[in-house]
Protein backbone atom coordinates (compact mmCIF):
# COMPACT_ATOMS: atom_id res chain seq x y z
CA UNK A 1 0.00 0.00 0.00
CA UNK A 2 2.81 2.38 0.69
CA UNK A 3 4.18 1.73 -2.79
CA UNK A 4 0.85 2.74 -4.33
CA UNK A 5 0.75 5.95 -2.28
CA UNK A 6 4.31 6.79 -3.35
CA UNK A 7 3.41 6.15 -6.99
CA UNK A 8 0.31 8.30 -6.73
CA UNK A 9 2.32 11.14 -5.17
CA UNK A 10 4.98 10.76 -7.87
CA UNK A 11 2.32 10.95 -10.59
CA UNK A 12 0.85 14.07 -8.98
CA UNK A 13 4.29 15.74 -8.94
CA UNK A 14 4.83 14.89 -12.62
CA UNK A 15 1.39 16.26 -13.50
CA UNK A 16 2.12 19.42 -11.50
CA UNK A 17 5.39 19.92 -13.44
CA UNK A 18 3.53 19.48 -16.72
CA UNK A 19 0.88 21.92 -15.55
CA UNK A 20 3.52 24.51 -14.61
CA UNK A 21 5.25 24.07 -17.95
CA UNK A 22 1.94 24.40 -19.82
CA UNK A 23 1.03 27.43 -17.74
CA UNK A 24 4.41 29.04 -18.43
CA UNK A 25 4.12 28.41 -22.17
CA UNK A 26 0.56 29.78 -22.10
CA UNK A 27 1.66 32.94 -20.29
CA UNK A 28 4.47 33.50 -22.79
CA UNK A 29 2.10 33.08 -25.73
CA UNK A 30 -0.55 35.31 -24.17
CA UNK A 31 2.15 37.91 -23.51
CA UNK A 32 3.05 37.87 -27.21
CA UNK A 33 -0.51 38.56 -28.38
CA UNK A 34 -0.34 42.34 -27.76
CA UNK A 35 2.97 42.53 -29.63
CA UNK A 36 1.62 40.66 -32.63
CA UNK A 37 -1.63 42.62 -32.67
CA UNK A 38 0.28 45.90 -32.41
CA UNK A 39 2.22 45.01 -35.56
CA UNK A 40 -1.02 44.24 -37.37
CA UNK A 41 -2.58 47.47 -36.12
CA UNK A 42 0.42 49.42 -37.44
CA UNK A 43 -0.08 47.86 -40.88
CA UNK A 44 -3.75 48.83 -40.82
CA UNK A 45 -2.73 52.37 -39.86
CA UNK A 46 -0.27 52.83 -42.77
CA UNK A 47 -2.81 54.84 -44.81
CA UNK A 48 -3.42 57.23 -41.91
CA UNK A 49 0.22 57.50 -40.83
CA UNK A 50 1.53 58.31 -44.32
CA UNK A 51 -0.65 61.40 -44.83
CA UNK A 52 1.31 64.66 -44.59
CA UNK A 53 4.59 66.20 -45.75
CA UNK A 54 7.78 64.14 -45.62
CA UNK A 55 11.33 65.44 -46.23
CA UNK A 56 14.47 63.35 -46.66
CA UNK A 57 16.19 62.98 -43.29
CA UNK A 58 19.69 63.15 -44.82
CA UNK A 59 19.21 66.79 -45.80
CA UNK A 60 18.47 66.26 -49.50
CA UNK A 61 15.76 68.68 -50.53
CA UNK A 62 13.26 66.06 -51.71
CA UNK A 63 9.74 66.24 -50.37
CA UNK A 64 6.88 63.76 -50.60
CA UNK A 65 3.35 64.98 -49.86
CA UNK A 66 0.49 62.51 -49.39
CA UNK A 67 -3.13 63.58 -49.16
CA UNK A 68 -6.23 61.68 -48.06
CA UNK A 69 -7.53 61.31 -51.62
CA UNK A 70 -4.65 59.13 -52.81
CA UNK A 71 -2.50 61.85 -54.41
CA UNK A 72 1.26 61.88 -53.92
CA UNK A 73 3.29 64.96 -54.87
CA UNK A 74 7.08 64.80 -55.22
CA UNK A 75 8.98 68.10 -55.04
CA UNK A 76 12.65 68.23 -56.06
CA UNK A 77 14.91 71.27 -56.22
CA UNK A 78 15.59 72.54 -59.72
CA UNK A 79 12.54 70.87 -61.25
CA UNK A 80 10.13 73.22 -62.97
CA UNK A 81 7.04 71.33 -61.79
CA UNK A 82 6.25 68.77 -59.11
CA UNK A 83 5.61 65.15 -60.02
CA UNK A 84 2.07 64.07 -59.15
CA UNK A 85 1.16 60.42 -58.73
CA UNK A 86 -1.80 58.49 -57.45
CA UNK A 87 -0.84 56.09 -54.69
CA UNK A 88 -2.17 52.99 -52.98
CA UNK A 89 -1.04 51.07 -49.95
CA UNK A 90 -1.41 47.30 -50.03
CA UNK A 91 -0.05 45.66 -46.91
CA UNK A 92 3.48 47.02 -46.64
CA UNK A 93 3.69 48.11 -50.30
CA UNK A 94 3.42 51.72 -51.41
CA UNK A 95 2.50 51.84 -55.10
CA UNK A 96 2.80 55.20 -56.86
CA UNK A 97 1.74 55.56 -60.48
CA UNK A 98 0.95 58.06 -63.15
CA UNK A 99 0.01 57.58 -66.82
CA UNK A 100 3.52 56.50 -67.83
CA UNK A 101 5.13 54.66 -64.91
CA UNK A 102 4.41 52.64 -61.78
CA UNK A 103 6.85 52.62 -58.88
CA UNK A 104 6.64 50.19 -55.95
CA UNK A 105 8.21 50.76 -52.55
CA UNK A 106 8.28 48.47 -49.53
CA UNK A 107 7.46 50.33 -46.31
CA UNK A 108 10.15 49.23 -43.86
CA UNK A 109 9.14 51.56 -41.00
CA UNK A 110 6.44 54.13 -40.53
CA UNK A 111 5.48 56.22 -37.53
CA UNK A 112 4.31 59.78 -36.98
CA UNK A 113 7.90 61.04 -37.35
CA UNK A 114 9.73 58.60 -39.68
CA UNK A 115 8.98 56.89 -42.99
CA UNK A 116 11.55 54.39 -44.29
CA UNK A 117 10.95 52.84 -47.70
CA UNK A 118 12.95 50.49 -49.91
CA UNK A 119 12.66 50.83 -53.68
CA UNK A 120 12.99 48.11 -56.36
CA UNK A 121 16.77 48.54 -56.44
CA UNK A 122 17.03 47.90 -52.70
CA UNK A 123 17.87 51.54 -51.92
CA UNK A 124 16.65 52.64 -48.50
CA UNK A 125 15.14 56.14 -48.31
CA UNK A 126 14.40 57.72 -44.94
CA UNK A 127 11.93 60.57 -44.65
CA UNK A 128 11.09 62.69 -41.60
CA UNK A 129 8.08 64.86 -40.82
């Protein structure tokens, strides 16, 4: 009888260890949910975050202006007129196009202060508001 009691206690200890491990894994996964949902929320907010005037952070006098109606204006020094494109955001892609060309950028980072995009050539462009 004492052997049975020892075995039952041993089984309870093993089950308690499994329960602790499961609980720890569950807590870690539950803790990651806000991080994962925050990344998804940021992606859904790309269209709202991109609106406004952006200037190159490295001092180059290039300006991108996005409005709420899907119009993107690019101002460069020495150009006689701004370039005007329509734009769309699909996931992390920024697609700018006019009648002649279509340009795709990958949005690496976007916040209220910084916009970092990578073009087709792999060039990283950083813009600040």
